[in-house]
C-alpha cells in the first residue's frame, strides 16, 4: 500500500506554516485572529463562540489544530471551516474532511486517536448531530452515559 498523500487541497491555495504554539490557532487573511490552549474539544467550542461574536466568514479561516480526530473534523465542518491544518490527523477525521471537501494538511496521519469520542462518532457523518452530542458531553452528561474526557 502506498503511503498516504499528506494533503488534500485546492491547487490555488498557499501552504500554511506548520509551526503551532497553541492547541488551536486560527488565521484570517494570514493574520492570527484566535488562539486557545484548551484541552479536548473545548478550543473548538470556544471558536464557535468567537465566530458568533465576530463577522469573520468561517469559510475564509485557516484552522490549525494539534489533533484532529473524527469529532474535531465534524465540529470544524459544522462551523463552516473550509481549510484545516492538523499536526496529528486520524483516518476518521480524514474521512470527514474528504467527505465534506474540506481542504486539509497534516503532519502525521494515524489510524485512530485514543479518545472515546472517536469511538462514539465512528460512523457519524452528520455535523449537526455530532455537535449536539459533543455539546452534551462537554456539559458533563449524555444519553450515552459517558462523561467527557478529562483535560
C-alpha atoms as a PDB file:
ATOM      1  CA  UNK A   1       0.000   0.000   0.000  1.00  0.00           C
ATOM      2  CA  UNK A   2       1.351   3.430  -0.928  1.00  0.00           C
ATOM      3  CA  UNK A   3       1.888   5.952   1.873  1.00  0.00           C
ATOM      4  CA  UNK A   4      -0.951   8.446   2.257  1.00  0.00           C
ATOM      5  CA  UNK A   5      -0.747  11.759   0.469  1.00  0.00           C
ATOM      6  CA  UNK A   6      -0.131  14.425   3.093  1.00  0.00           C
ATOM      7  CA  UNK A   7      -2.522  16.956   1.642  1.00  0.00           C
ATOM      8  CA  UNK A   8      -5.884  17.279   0.066  1.00  0.00           C
ATOM      9  CA  UNK A   9      -6.271  20.831  -1.074  1.00  0.00           C
ATOM     10  CA  UNK A  10      -7.351  23.041  -3.862  1.00  0.00           C
ATOM     11  CA  UNK A  11      -4.367  23.848  -6.131  1.00  0.00           C
ATOM     12  CA  UNK A  12      -4.823  27.624  -5.839  1.00  0.00           C
ATOM     13  CA  UNK A  13      -4.222  27.676  -2.070  1.00  0.00           C
ATOM     14  CA  UNK A  14      -0.924  28.635  -0.472  1.00  0.00           C
ATOM     15  CA  UNK A  15       0.891  26.418   2.004  1.00  0.00           C
ATOM     16  CA  UNK A  16       0.466  27.118   5.689  1.00  0.00           C
ATOM     17  CA  UNK A  17       3.297  27.376   8.208  1.00  0.00           C
ATOM     18  CA  UNK A  18       3.298  24.094  10.152  1.00  0.00           C
ATOM     19  CA  UNK A  19       4.521  25.558  13.467  1.00  0.00           C
ATOM     20  CA  UNK A  20       1.895  25.947  16.174  1.00  0.00           C
ATOM     21  CA  UNK A  21       2.328  27.361  19.676  1.00  0.00           C
ATOM     22  CA  UNK A  22      -1.206  26.793  20.977  1.00  0.00           C
ATOM     23  CA  UNK A  23      -3.694  23.927  20.936  1.00  0.00           C
ATOM     24  CA  UNK A  24      -5.648  25.801  18.278  1.00  0.00           C
ATOM     25  CA  UNK A  25      -4.640  28.733  16.085  1.00  0.00           C
ATOM     26  CA  UNK A  26      -6.965  30.397  13.612  1.00  0.00           C
ATOM     27  CA  UNK A  27      -5.897  32.742  10.834  1.00  0.00           C
ATOM     28  CA  UNK A  28      -7.891  35.025   8.587  1.00  0.00           C
ATOM     29  CA  UNK A  29      -6.167  36.567   5.571  1.00  0.00           C
ATOM     30  CA  UNK A  30      -2.830  35.439   7.062  1.00  0.00           C
ATOM     31  CA  UNK A  31      -3.452  37.215  10.378  1.00  0.00           C
ATOM     32  CA  UNK A  32      -3.779  35.301  13.655  1.00  0.00           C
ATOM     33  CA  UNK A  33      -7.292  36.091  14.936  1.00  0.00           C
ATOM     34  CA  UNK A  34      -7.943  33.410  17.564  1.00  0.00           C
ATOM     35  CA  UNK A  35      -5.933  31.072  19.794  1.00  0.00           C
ATOM     36  CA  UNK A  36      -6.787  28.586  22.511  1.00  0.00           C
ATOM     37  CA  UNK A  37      -4.746  26.388  24.801  1.00  0.00           C
ATOM     38  CA  UNK A  38      -7.753  24.383  25.965  1.00  0.00           C
ATOM     39  CA  UNK A  39      -7.915  20.609  26.062  1.00  0.00           C
ATOM     40  CA  UNK A  40     -10.156  18.042  24.360  1.00  0.00           C
ATOM     41  CA  UNK A  41     -12.659  19.751  22.006  1.00  0.00           C
ATOM     42  CA  UNK A  42     -13.063  22.878  24.155  1.00  0.00           C
ATOM     43  CA  UNK A  43     -10.964  25.074  21.817  1.00  0.00           C
ATOM     44  CA  UNK A  44     -13.439  24.356  19.008  1.00  0.00           C
ATOM     45  CA  UNK A  45     -16.388  25.274  21.228  1.00  0.00           C
ATOM     46  CA  UNK A  46     -14.510  28.481  22.121  1.00  0.00           C
ATOM     47  CA  UNK A  47     -14.020  29.101  18.388  1.00  0.00           C
ATOM     48  CA  UNK A  48     -17.763  28.648  17.891  1.00  0.00           C
ATOM     49  CA  UNK A  49     -18.418  31.410  20.449  1.00  0.00           C
ATOM     50  CA  UNK A  50     -15.785  33.622  18.816  1.00  0.00           C
ATOM     51  CA  UNK A  51     -17.441  33.182  15.411  1.00  0.00           C
ATOM     52  CA  UNK A  52     -20.847  34.074  16.880  1.00  0.00           C
ATOM     53  CA  UNK A  53     -19.359  37.318  18.233  1.00  0.00           C
ATOM     54  CA  UNK A  54     -17.399  38.357  15.109  1.00  0.00           C
ATOM     55  CA  UNK A  55     -18.305  38.851  11.475  1.00  0.00           C
ATOM     56  CA  UNK A  56     -15.470  36.783  10.027  1.00  0.00           C
ATOM     57  CA  UNK A  57     -16.788  34.245   7.489  1.00  0.00           C
ATOM     58  CA  UNK A  58     -15.701  30.781   8.719  1.00  0.00           C
ATOM     59  CA  UNK A  59     -15.035  29.658   5.154  1.00  0.00           C
ATOM     60  CA  UNK A  60     -12.209  32.210   4.951  1.00  0.00           C
ATOM     61  CA  UNK A  61     -10.391  30.869   8.018  1.00  0.00           C
ATOM     62  CA  UNK A  62      -7.410  28.560   8.231  1.00  0.00           C
ATOM     63  CA  UNK A  63      -7.762  26.488  11.403  1.00  0.00           C
ATOM     64  CA  UNK A  64      -4.603  24.836  12.730  1.00  0.00           C
ATOM     65  CA  UNK A  65      -5.330  22.248  15.421  1.00  0.00           C
ATOM     66  CA  UNK A  66      -2.796  19.999  17.130  1.00  0.00           C
ATOM     67  CA  UNK A  67      -5.084  16.944  16.983  1.00  0.00           C
ATOM     68  CA  UNK A  68      -7.958  16.419  14.561  1.00  0.00           C
ATOM     69  CA  UNK A  69      -9.940  13.260  15.073  1.00  0.00           C
ATOM     70  CA  UNK A  70     -13.387  12.476  13.771  1.00  0.00           C
ATOM     71  CA  UNK A  71     -15.135  14.604  16.424  1.00  0.00           C
ATOM     72  CA  UNK A  72     -12.970  17.663  15.743  1.00  0.00           C
ATOM     73  CA  UNK A  73     -13.431  17.248  11.990  1.00  0.00           C
ATOM     74  CA  UNK A  74     -17.210  17.084  12.400  1.00  0.00           C
ATOM     75  CA  UNK A  75     -17.173  20.229  14.564  1.00  0.00           C
ATOM     76  CA  UNK A  76     -14.996  22.052  12.029  1.00  0.00           C
ATOM     77  CA  UNK A  77     -17.444  21.157   9.259  1.00  0.00           C
ATOM     78  CA  UNK A  78     -20.346  22.236  11.487  1.00  0.00           C
ATOM     79  CA  UNK A  79     -18.638  25.610  11.998  1.00  0.00           C
ATOM     80  CA  UNK A  80     -18.229  26.066   8.236  1.00  0.00           C
ATOM     81  CA  UNK A  81     -14.436  25.922   8.162  1.00  0.00           C
ATOM     82  CA  UNK A  82     -13.041  25.052   4.740  1.00  0.00           C
ATOM     83  CA  UNK A  83      -9.273  24.883   5.459  1.00  0.00           C
ATOM     84  CA  UNK A  84      -7.709  22.768   8.214  1.00  0.00           C
ATOM     85  CA  UNK A  85      -4.119  22.106   9.233  1.00  0.00           C
ATOM     86  CA  UNK A  86      -3.534  19.284  11.733  1.00  0.00           C
ATOM     87  CA  UNK A  87      -0.350  18.231  13.467  1.00  0.00           C
ATOM     88  CA  UNK A  88      -1.990  14.835  14.036  1.00  0.00           C
ATOM     89  CA  UNK A  89      -4.934  13.634  11.937  1.00  0.00           C
ATOM     90  CA  UNK A  90      -6.865  10.394  12.383  1.00  0.00           C
ATOM     91  CA  UNK A  91      -8.224   8.448   9.431  1.00  0.00           C
ATOM     92  CA  UNK A  92     -11.713   9.069  10.820  1.00  0.00           C
ATOM     93  CA  UNK A  93     -11.058  12.812  10.752  1.00  0.00           C
ATOM     94  CA  UNK A  94      -9.625  12.499   7.270  1.00  0.00           C
ATOM     95  CA  UNK A  95     -12.765  10.668   6.109  1.00  0.00           C
ATOM     96  CA  UNK A  96     -14.977  13.504   7.375  1.00  0.00           C
ATOM     97  CA  UNK A  97     -12.817  16.245   5.836  1.00  0.00           C
ATOM     98  CA  UNK A  98     -12.749  14.479   2.485  1.00  0.00           C
ATOM     99  CA  UNK A  99     -16.479  13.721   2.590  1.00  0.00           C
ATOM    100  CA  UNK A 100     -17.232  17.431   3.028  1.00  0.00           C
ATOM    101  CA  UNK A 101     -14.442  18.501   0.632  1.00  0.00           C
ATOM    102  CA  UNK A 102     -12.607  20.478   3.303  1.00  0.00           C
ATOM    103  CA  UNK A 103      -9.071  21.371   2.256  1.00  0.00           C
ATOM    104  CA  UNK A 104      -6.577  19.945   4.739  1.00  0.00           C
ATOM    105  CA  UNK A 105      -2.924  19.381   5.502  1.00  0.00           C
ATOM    106  CA  UNK A 106      -1.375  17.246   8.201  1.00  0.00           C
ATOM    107  CA  UNK A 107       1.983  16.338   9.653  1.00  0.00           C
ATOM    108  CA  UNK A 108       1.123  12.839  10.898  1.00  0.00           C
ATOM    109  CA  UNK A 109      -1.739  10.535   9.916  1.00  0.00           C
ATOM    110  CA  UNK A 110      -2.787   7.816  12.388  1.00  0.00           C
ATOM    111  CA  UNK A 111      -5.409   5.085  12.187  1.00  0.00           C
ATOM    112  CA  UNK A 112      -7.250   6.397  15.226  1.00  0.00           C
ATOM    113  CA  UNK A 113      -6.934   8.629  18.258  1.00  0.00           C
ATOM    114  CA  UNK A 114      -7.392   7.010  21.646  1.00  0.00           C
ATOM    115  CA  UNK A 115     -10.407   9.025  22.696  1.00  0.00           C
ATOM    116  CA  UNK A 116     -13.936   7.913  23.477  1.00  0.00           C
ATOM    117  CA  UNK A 117     -15.375  10.493  21.102  1.00  0.00           C
ATOM    118  CA  UNK A 118     -13.533   8.823  18.216  1.00  0.00           C
ATOM    119  CA  UNK A 119     -15.416   5.610  19.014  1.00  0.00           C
ATOM    120  CA  UNK A 120     -18.701   7.338  19.852  1.00  0.00           C
ATOM    121  CA  UNK A 121     -18.746   9.054  16.439  1.00  0.00           C
ATOM    122  CA  UNK A 122     -17.100   6.252  14.451  1.00  0.00           C
ATOM    123  CA  UNK A 123     -19.956   6.053  11.938  1.00  0.00           C
ATOM    124  CA  UNK A 124     -21.325   9.589  12.258  1.00  0.00           C
ATOM    125  CA  UNK A 125     -21.239  11.918   9.253  1.00  0.00           C
ATOM    126  CA  UNK A 126     -23.889  14.436  10.326  1.00  0.00           C
ATOM    127  CA  UNK A 127     -22.091  17.512  11.739  1.00  0.00           C
ATOM    128  CA  UNK A 128     -25.222  18.913  13.429  1.00  0.00           C
ATOM    129  CA  UNK A 129     -25.986  15.632  15.214  1.00  0.00           C
ATOM    130  CA  UNK A 130     -22.316  15.301  16.250  1.00  0.00           C
ATOM    131  CA  UNK A 131     -22.350  18.900  17.534  1.00  0.00           C
ATOM    132  CA  UNK A 132     -25.398  18.201  19.727  1.00  0.00           C
ATOM    133  CA  UNK A 133     -23.847  15.002  21.119  1.00  0.00           C
ATOM    134  CA  UNK A 134     -20.488  16.655  21.810  1.00  0.00           C
ATOM    135  CA  UNK A 135     -22.084  19.688  23.467  1.00  0.00           C
ATOM    136  CA  UNK A 136     -23.951  17.338  25.774  1.00  0.00           C
ATOM    137  CA  UNK A 137     -20.706  15.536  26.612  1.00  0.00           C
ATOM    138  CA  UNK A 138     -18.896  18.837  27.196  1.00  0.00           C
ATOM    139  CA  UNK A 139     -21.614  19.898  29.617  1.00  0.00           C
ATOM    140  CA  UNK A 140     -20.965  16.792  31.678  1.00  0.00           C
ATOM    141  CA  UNK A 141     -23.745  14.402  30.801  1.00  0.00           C
ATOM    142  CA  UNK A 142     -25.177  12.462  27.944  1.00  0.00           C
ATOM    143  CA  UNK A 143     -27.751   9.964  26.945  1.00  0.00           C
ATOM    144  CA  UNK A 144     -24.875   7.552  26.287  1.00  0.00           C
ATOM    145  CA  UNK A 145     -23.896   7.692  29.962  1.00  0.00           C
ATOM    146  CA  UNK A 146     -20.353   8.804  29.120  1.00  0.00           C
ATOM    147  CA  UNK A 147     -18.522  11.729  30.632  1.00  0.00           C
ATOM    148  CA  UNK A 148     -16.197  13.956  28.617  1.00  0.00           C
ATOM    149  CA  UNK A 149     -12.537  13.006  28.690  1.00  0.00           C
ATOM    150  CA  UNK A 150     -10.503  14.701  31.399  1.00  0.00           C
ATOM    151  CA  UNK A 151      -8.495  17.690  30.193  1.00  0.00           C
END
